[in-house]
């Protein structure tokens, strides 16, 4: 049926490009937020309409078939359903037509598609709100440090306004209900995602440290673990929001590496271990283990950005997480892992 394919046909990608370190006035940021919000709603409304249009077309085709077969009672039910569907944007469960099995099956497929769009819409709204709140949080902090307290208060009030808005509250409610009652929602095509979190907030400890020039061209402190027994780097990430609802959490930080013999071990929050195995010296690589996945992308050889994905069950919500990379080698073999004391990442990594 056309209905089950419709989400693949309508591939409208929403690109949320609000740079976490974007400059600009509060009015500019608010306008950008509202523009993206309108885009999400417009695209999802278009998907809903197209699904219902295809549903009506399928009903009309079914009606013709029933008419040719001389099935009067079923035909009248289908015609009534066509009239009703032309006035609606969804098929409510209380109006399911069980008397005609083909119509009933069509309605179930329609509802599955519409539920997927509903969850997708609210997941994107939730993600957009998290991005906007993070941008404003950065702005609020800078204004406070610069002693621009009145402006900082205005930004704080904007954060509260959006957080308590009806559309954000509804997004939270829909996603929470979907998480708590997965059997009642279609979640397999929906990504309950939020922006990639800052993977580096502050250093905890490291075996070695020194000044270094990063891909930004600026000098900063770096922390290094060589492939010598006992070498390590341990740091804290930014805090994971207490209302984080994704099934997976991603952290991103800057650094470089030369790891080729599986001599390093990554430990998340002191208990979840992943050996860094394989030849990890290329421009783009990925390794996985214990439910986690670590990737690296070169920005300016050999400097680049790491991305660590971990299951949400490993995460302490409302708190900073710890990541430790340590050498497991008994002898030095000229391999290393390096972490930059750098929070702002290049745009192409977002």
Protein backbone atom coordinates (compact mmCIF):
# COMPACT_ATOMS: atom_id res chain seq x y z
CA UNK A 1 0.00 0.00 0.00
CA UNK A 2 1.08 3.59 -0.60
CA UNK A 3 0.58 4.53 3.07
CA UNK A 4 3.33 2.30 4.41
CA UNK A 5 5.82 3.87 1.97
CA UNK A 6 4.84 7.49 2.41
CA UNK A 7 7.43 8.42 5.04
CA UNK A 8 10.17 7.21 2.73
CA UNK A 9 8.72 9.22 -0.16
CA UNK A 10 8.52 12.45 1.81
CA UNK A 11 12.12 13.00 2.87
CA UNK A 12 12.19 16.56 4.16
CA UNK A 13 15.28 17.05 6.24
CA UNK A 14 15.29 19.70 8.94
CA UNK A 15 18.77 21.10 9.42
CA UNK A 16 19.04 22.77 12.79
CA UNK A 17 22.15 24.87 12.44
CA UNK A 18 22.11 27.02 15.56
CA UNK A 19 25.77 27.26 16.43
CA UNK A 20 26.23 26.88 20.17
CA UNK A 21 28.72 29.72 20.11
CA UNK A 22 26.83 31.99 17.70
CA UNK A 23 27.09 35.69 18.23
CA UNK A 24 24.04 37.88 17.83
CA UNK A 25 21.41 39.73 19.80
CA UNK A 26 18.68 38.04 21.77
CA UNK A 27 16.14 39.19 19.17
CA UNK A 28 18.19 37.54 16.42
CA UNK A 29 18.42 34.28 18.34
CA UNK A 30 14.70 34.34 19.12
CA UNK A 31 13.90 34.92 15.46
CA UNK A 32 16.12 32.01 14.45
CA UNK A 33 14.43 29.76 17.01
CA UNK A 34 10.93 30.71 15.88
CA UNK A 35 11.91 30.27 12.22
CA UNK A 36 13.12 26.72 12.84
CA UNK A 37 10.04 26.00 14.93
CA UNK A 38 7.75 27.13 12.13
CA UNK A 39 9.76 25.03 9.66
CA UNK A 40 9.33 21.89 11.78
CA UNK A 41 5.57 22.41 12.07
CA UNK A 42 5.16 23.24 8.40
CA UNK A 43 7.02 20.16 7.24
CA UNK A 44 5.22 17.82 9.62
CA UNK A 45 1.83 19.31 8.64
CA UNK A 46 2.72 18.67 4.99
CA UNK A 47 3.56 15.05 5.79
CA UNK A 48 0.27 14.61 7.67
CA UNK A 49 -1.72 16.02 4.77
CA UNK A 50 0.02 13.83 2.24
CA UNK A 51 -0.63 10.71 4.31
CA UNK A 52 -4.33 11.55 4.60
CA UNK A 53 -4.52 12.34 0.86
CA UNK A 54 -3.03 8.95 0.02
CA UNK A 55 -5.37 7.30 2.52
CA UNK A 56 -8.39 8.86 0.79
CA UNK A 57 -7.06 7.78 -2.61
CA UNK A 58 -6.68 4.20 -1.34
CA UNK A 59 -10.24 4.32 0.02
CA UNK A 60 -11.57 5.49 -3.34
CA UNK A 61 -9.72 2.69 -5.11
CA UNK A 62 -11.16 0.24 -2.60
CA UNK A 63 -14.64 1.67 -3.18
CA UNK A 64 -14.37 1.07 -6.92
CA UNK A 65 -13.31 -2.51 -6.28
CA UNK A 66 -16.22 -3.12 -3.91
CA UNK A 67 -18.66 -1.59 -6.37
CA UNK A 68 -17.43 -3.91 -9.13
CA UNK A 69 -17.92 -6.85 -6.76
CA UNK A 70 -21.45 -5.71 -5.92
CA UNK A 71 -20.76 -5.44 -2.15
CA UNK A 72 -23.24 -2.71 -1.23
CA UNK A 73 -22.90 -2.67 2.58
CA UNK A 74 -19.09 -2.52 2.50
CA UNK A 75 -19.20 0.10 -0.27
CA UNK A 76 -21.45 2.40 1.80
CA UNK A 77 -19.12 2.09 4.79
CA UNK A 78 -16.14 3.04 2.63
CA UNK A 79 -18.00 6.04 1.15
CA UNK A 80 -18.88 7.26 4.66
CA UNK A 81 -15.25 6.87 5.68
CA UNK A 82 -14.11 8.89 2.64
CA UNK A 83 -16.41 11.78 3.59
CA UNK A 84 -15.17 11.69 7.18
CA UNK A 85 -11.50 11.43 6.19
CA UNK A 86 -11.79 14.47 3.93
CA UNK A 87 -12.65 16.58 6.99
CA UNK A 88 -9.96 15.19 9.31
CA UNK A 89 -6.20 15.26 9.74
CA UNK A 90 -6.03 11.90 11.56
CA UNK A 91 -7.94 8.69 12.25
CA UNK A 92 -8.98 8.50 15.88
CA UNK A 93 -9.01 4.97 17.40
CA UNK A 94 -12.66 5.40 18.40
CA UNK A 95 -13.58 5.80 14.72
CA UNK A 96 -11.84 2.68 13.44
CA UNK A 97 -13.97 0.73 10.96
CA UNK A 98 -13.83 -2.91 12.07
CA UNK A 99 -16.72 -4.01 9.82
CA UNK A 100 -14.51 -3.91 6.70
CA UNK A 101 -11.16 -5.56 7.38
CA UNK A 102 -9.37 -3.85 4.48
CA UNK A 103 -10.46 -0.40 5.72
CA UNK A 104 -9.46 -1.32 9.24
CA UNK A 105 -5.99 -2.38 8.02
CA UNK A 106 -5.65 0.88 6.08
CA UNK A 107 -6.57 2.87 9.18
CA UNK A 108 -3.99 1.06 11.28
CA UNK A 109 -1.28 1.88 8.74
CA UNK A 110 -2.40 5.51 8.63
CA UNK A 111 -2.35 5.79 12.41
CA UNK A 112 1.09 4.21 12.57
CA UNK A 113 2.44 6.74 10.06
CA UNK A 114 0.73 9.68 11.79
CA UNK A 115 2.01 8.59 15.20
CA UNK A 116 5.52 8.39 13.78
CA UNK A 117 5.20 11.96 12.48
CA UNK A 118 3.80 13.13 15.83
CA UNK A 119 6.79 11.71 17.67
CA UNK A 120 9.21 13.02 15.05
CA UNK A 121 7.69 16.51 15.29
CA UNK A 122 7.97 16.62 19.06
CA UNK A 123 11.46 15.09 19.09
CA UNK A 124 12.63 17.86 16.74
CA UNK A 125 10.90 20.54 18.82
CA UNK A 126 12.54 19.15 21.94
CA UNK A 127 15.94 19.12 20.22
CA UNK A 128 15.47 22.67 18.96
CA UNK A 129 14.52 23.88 22.44
CA UNK A 130 17.62 22.22 23.95
CA UNK A 131 19.83 23.90 21.35
CA UNK A 132 18.21 27.29 21.91
CA UNK A 133 18.46 26.95 25.69
CA UNK A 134 22.13 26.05 25.45
CA UNK A 135 22.87 29.06 23.26
CA UNK A 136 21.04 31.32 25.71
CA UNK A 137 22.77 29.68 28.66
CA UNK A 138 26.16 30.49 27.15
CA UNK A 139 25.03 34.06 26.50
CA UNK A 140 23.64 34.44 30.02
CA UNK A 141 26.87 33.20 31.58
CA UNK A 142 29.03 35.57 29.50
CA UNK A 143 26.84 38.56 30.36
CA UNK A 144 27.04 37.67 34.05
CA UNK A 145 30.85 37.43 33.87
CA UNK A 146 30.94 40.78 32.04
CA UNK A 147 28.75 42.29 34.80
CA UNK A 148 25.90 42.98 32.37
CA UNK A 149 23.40 41.77 34.93
CA UNK A 150 20.28 43.43 33.54
CA UNK A 151 20.88 41.85 30.13
CA UNK A 152 21.66 38.50 31.77
CA UNK A 153 18.31 38.63 33.59
CA UNK A 154 16.47 39.30 30.31
CA UNK A 155 18.14 36.26 28.75
CA UNK A 156 17.24 34.15 31.78
CA UNK A 157 13.61 35.19 31.46
CA UNK A 158 13.63 34.21 27.79
CA UNK A 159 14.93 30.76 28.75
CA UNK A 160 12.11 30.40 31.26
CA UNK A 161 9.51 31.62 28.79
CA UNK A 162 10.44 29.07 26.15
CA UNK A 163 10.91 26.24 28.65
CA UNK A 164 7.41 26.84 30.02
CA UNK A 165 5.76 27.42 26.63
CA UNK A 166 2.87 25.15 25.67
CA UNK A 167 4.64 23.70 22.64
CA UNK A 168 7.75 22.68 24.61
CA UNK A 169 5.66 21.25 27.45
CA UNK A 170 3.66 19.22 24.95
CA UNK A 171 6.86 17.94 23.31
CA UNK A 172 8.16 16.77 26.69
CA UNK A 173 4.84 15.13 27.53
CA UNK A 174 4.55 13.29 24.19
CA UNK A 175 8.11 11.98 24.37
CA UNK A 176 7.78 10.94 28.01
CA UNK A 177 4.58 9.05 27.24
CA UNK A 178 6.25 7.35 24.28
CA UNK A 179 9.19 6.34 26.46
CA UNK A 180 6.97 5.06 29.27
CA UNK A 181 4.48 3.29 26.98
CA UNK A 182 6.44 2.10 23.93
CA UNK A 183 3.75 -0.47 23.09
CA UNK A 184 1.30 2.37 22.49
CA UNK A 185 3.56 4.42 20.25
CA UNK A 186 5.48 3.95 17.04
CA UNK A 187 9.03 4.78 18.05
CA UNK A 188 11.23 2.77 15.72
CA UNK A 189 11.46 5.56 13.12
CA UNK A 190 11.90 8.37 15.63
CA UNK A 191 15.16 9.61 17.05
CA UNK A 192 14.73 11.01 20.56
CA UNK A 193 17.83 13.08 20.13
CA UNK A 194 19.37 16.21 21.55
CA UNK A 195 22.43 18.20 20.46
CA UNK A 196 25.78 16.48 20.89
CA UNK A 197 27.01 17.44 24.35
CA UNK A 198 30.36 19.02 25.12
CA UNK A 199 32.71 16.14 25.77
CA UNK A 200 35.25 18.25 27.64
CA UNK A 201 34.50 20.57 30.54
CA UNK A 202 37.57 20.30 32.79
CA UNK A 203 40.56 18.05 33.33
CA UNK A 204 40.57 15.74 36.34
CA UNK A 205 44.13 14.47 36.02
CA UNK A 206 46.65 13.27 33.46
CA UNK A 207 50.10 11.76 33.30
CA UNK A 208 51.49 14.49 31.06
CA UNK A 209 50.48 17.99 29.95
CA UNK A 210 52.05 20.75 27.88
CA UNK A 211 51.18 23.81 25.72
CA UNK A 212 50.31 22.95 22.13
CA UNK A 213 48.94 24.51 18.92
CA UNK A 214 45.52 23.09 17.95
CA UNK A 215 43.72 23.20 14.59
CA UNK A 216 42.46 26.69 15.54
CA UNK A 217 46.04 27.95 15.32
CA UNK A 218 45.92 28.98 18.99
CA UNK A 219 48.09 27.68 21.80
CA UNK A 220 46.31 25.80 24.52
CA UNK A 221 47.01 23.15 27.14
CA UNK A 222 46.87 19.52 26.03
CA UNK A 223 46.85 16.33 28.09
CA UNK A 224 48.63 13.22 26.85
CA UNK A 225 48.67 9.50 27.58
CA UNK A 226 51.52 7.67 25.87
CA UNK A 227 51.56 3.92 25.40
CA UNK A 228 53.45 3.46 28.65
CA UNK A 229 52.02 1.41 31.49
CA UNK A 230 50.19 3.72 33.88
CA UNK A 231 49.78 6.67 31.50
CA UNK A 232 46.27 8.14 31.45
CA UNK A 233 44.08 11.18 30.82
CA UNK A 234 40.87 11.67 32.80
CA UNK A 235 38.38 14.50 32.41
CA UNK A 236 34.81 15.64 33.01
CA UNK A 237 32.20 16.32 30.35
CA UNK A 238 29.51 18.98 30.49
CA UNK A 239 26.41 18.10 32.50
CA UNK A 240 23.76 15.87 30.98
CA UNK A 241 20.33 17.54 31.41
CA UNK A 242 18.17 15.92 34.08
CA UNK A 243 15.30 15.68 31.58
CA UNK A 244 17.42 14.03 28.89
CA UNK A 245 15.26 11.44 27.11
CA UNK A 246 17.44 10.06 24.31
CA UNK A 247 18.26 6.38 24.18
CA UNK A 248 21.84 7.30 23.39
CA UNK A 249 24.07 10.14 24.55
CA UNK A 250 26.85 11.62 22.42
CA UNK A 251 29.86 13.59 23.63
CA UNK A 252 32.30 15.47 21.41
CA UNK A 253 35.77 16.77 22.21
CA UNK A 254 38.92 17.88 20.38
CA UNK A 255 42.25 16.12 20.29
CA UNK A 256 44.42 13.76 18.28
CA UNK A 257 45.79 10.25 18.49
CA UNK A 258 48.14 7.66 17.10
CA UNK A 259 46.80 4.33 18.31
CA UNK A 260 47.45 1.13 16.40
CA UNK A 261 47.82 -1.86 18.68
CA UNK A 262 44.86 -1.81 21.02
CA UNK A 263 47.08 -0.48 23.79
CA UNK A 264 44.48 1.92 25.22
CA UNK A 265 41.31 1.49 27.23
CA UNK A 266 38.42 3.97 27.50
CA UNK A 267 36.49 3.97 30.79
CA UNK A 268 33.19 5.83 31.10
CA UNK A 269 32.01 6.92 34.56
CA UNK A 270 34.54 4.63 36.21
CA UNK A 271 32.88 1.35 35.26
CA UNK A 272 32.06 0.95 31.56
CA UNK A 273 35.18 -0.16 29.68
CA UNK A 274 35.89 -0.21 25.95
CA UNK A 275 39.26 -1.37 24.53
CA UNK A 276 40.40 0.95 21.72
CA UNK A 277 41.36 -1.77 19.27
CA UNK A 278 42.36 -1.81 15.62
CA UNK A 279 44.38 0.59 13.49
CA UNK A 280 43.07 3.97 14.63
CA UNK A 281 45.43 6.21 12.67
CA UNK A 282 43.32 7.17 9.64
CA UNK A 283 41.46 10.40 8.83
CA UNK A 284 38.14 8.84 9.84
CA UNK A 285 37.75 5.81 12.06
CA UNK A 286 35.36 4.19 14.51
CA UNK A 287 35.58 1.46 17.13
CA UNK A 288 32.99 0.00 19.49
CA UNK A 289 32.54 -2.21 22.52
CA UNK A 290 30.43 -2.59 25.69
CA UNK A 291 27.56 -0.76 24.02
CA UNK A 292 29.72 2.31 23.35
CA UNK A 293 31.13 3.70 20.11
CA UNK A 294 34.08 6.06 19.65
CA UNK A 295 34.76 7.84 16.37
CA UNK A 296 37.44 10.26 15.21
CA UNK A 297 37.46 12.75 12.33
CA UNK A 298 40.51 14.63 11.11
CA UNK A 299 40.05 18.41 10.88
CA UNK A 300 43.65 19.37 10.14
CA UNK A 301 46.05 16.44 10.17
CA UNK A 302 46.64 14.97 12.70
CA UNK A 303 44.31 17.15 14.74
CA UNK A 304 40.60 16.38 14.91
CA UNK A 305 37.46 15.67 16.89
CA UNK A 306 36.34 12.60 18.86
CA UNK A 307 32.70 11.59 19.23
CA UNK A 308 31.69 9.09 21.91
CA UNK A 309 28.23 7.53 21.89
CA UNK A 310 27.06 5.74 25.05
CA UNK A 311 23.72 4.21 26.10
CA UNK A 312 21.65 6.53 28.27
CA UNK A 313 21.63 3.84 30.97
CA UNK A 314 25.35 4.55 31.52
CA UNK A 315 24.71 8.24 32.14
CA UNK A 316 24.13 10.10 35.40
CA UNK A 317 21.41 12.60 34.52
CA UNK A 318 21.78 16.13 35.81
CA UNK A 319 25.50 15.59 36.38
CA UNK A 320 28.88 15.76 34.68
CA UNK A 321 30.28 12.46 33.42
CA UNK A 322 33.89 11.23 33.61
CA UNK A 323 35.89 9.79 30.73
CA UNK A 324 39.28 8.17 31.18
CA UNK A 325 41.66 6.91 28.50
CA UNK A 326 44.56 4.87 29.87
CA UNK A 327 47.45 2.91 28.42
CA UNK A 328 47.35 -0.86 28.76
CA UNK A 329 50.77 -1.36 27.19
CA UNK A 330 53.67 -2.74 29.17
CA UNK A 331 56.26 -1.00 27.01
CA UNK A 332 56.44 2.27 25.10
CA UNK A 333 55.67 1.86 21.39
CA UNK A 334 55.33 5.49 20.28
CA UNK A 335 51.53 5.57 20.33
CA UNK A 336 49.53 8.24 22.11
CA UNK A 337 46.15 9.76 22.92
CA UNK A 338 45.87 13.54 23.28
CA UNK A 339 43.05 15.71 24.67
CA UNK A 340 42.84 19.45 23.93
CA UNK A 341 41.72 21.96 26.53
CA UNK A 342 39.32 23.30 23.92
CA UNK A 343 35.54 23.57 24.10
CA UNK A 344 34.62 25.37 20.89
CA UNK A 345 34.54 22.93 18.00
CA UNK A 346 34.56 23.72 14.26
CA UNK A 347 31.18 24.15 12.54
CA UNK A 348 31.62 21.10 10.28
CA UNK A 349 31.55 18.78 13.32
CA UNK A 350 28.10 19.89 14.45
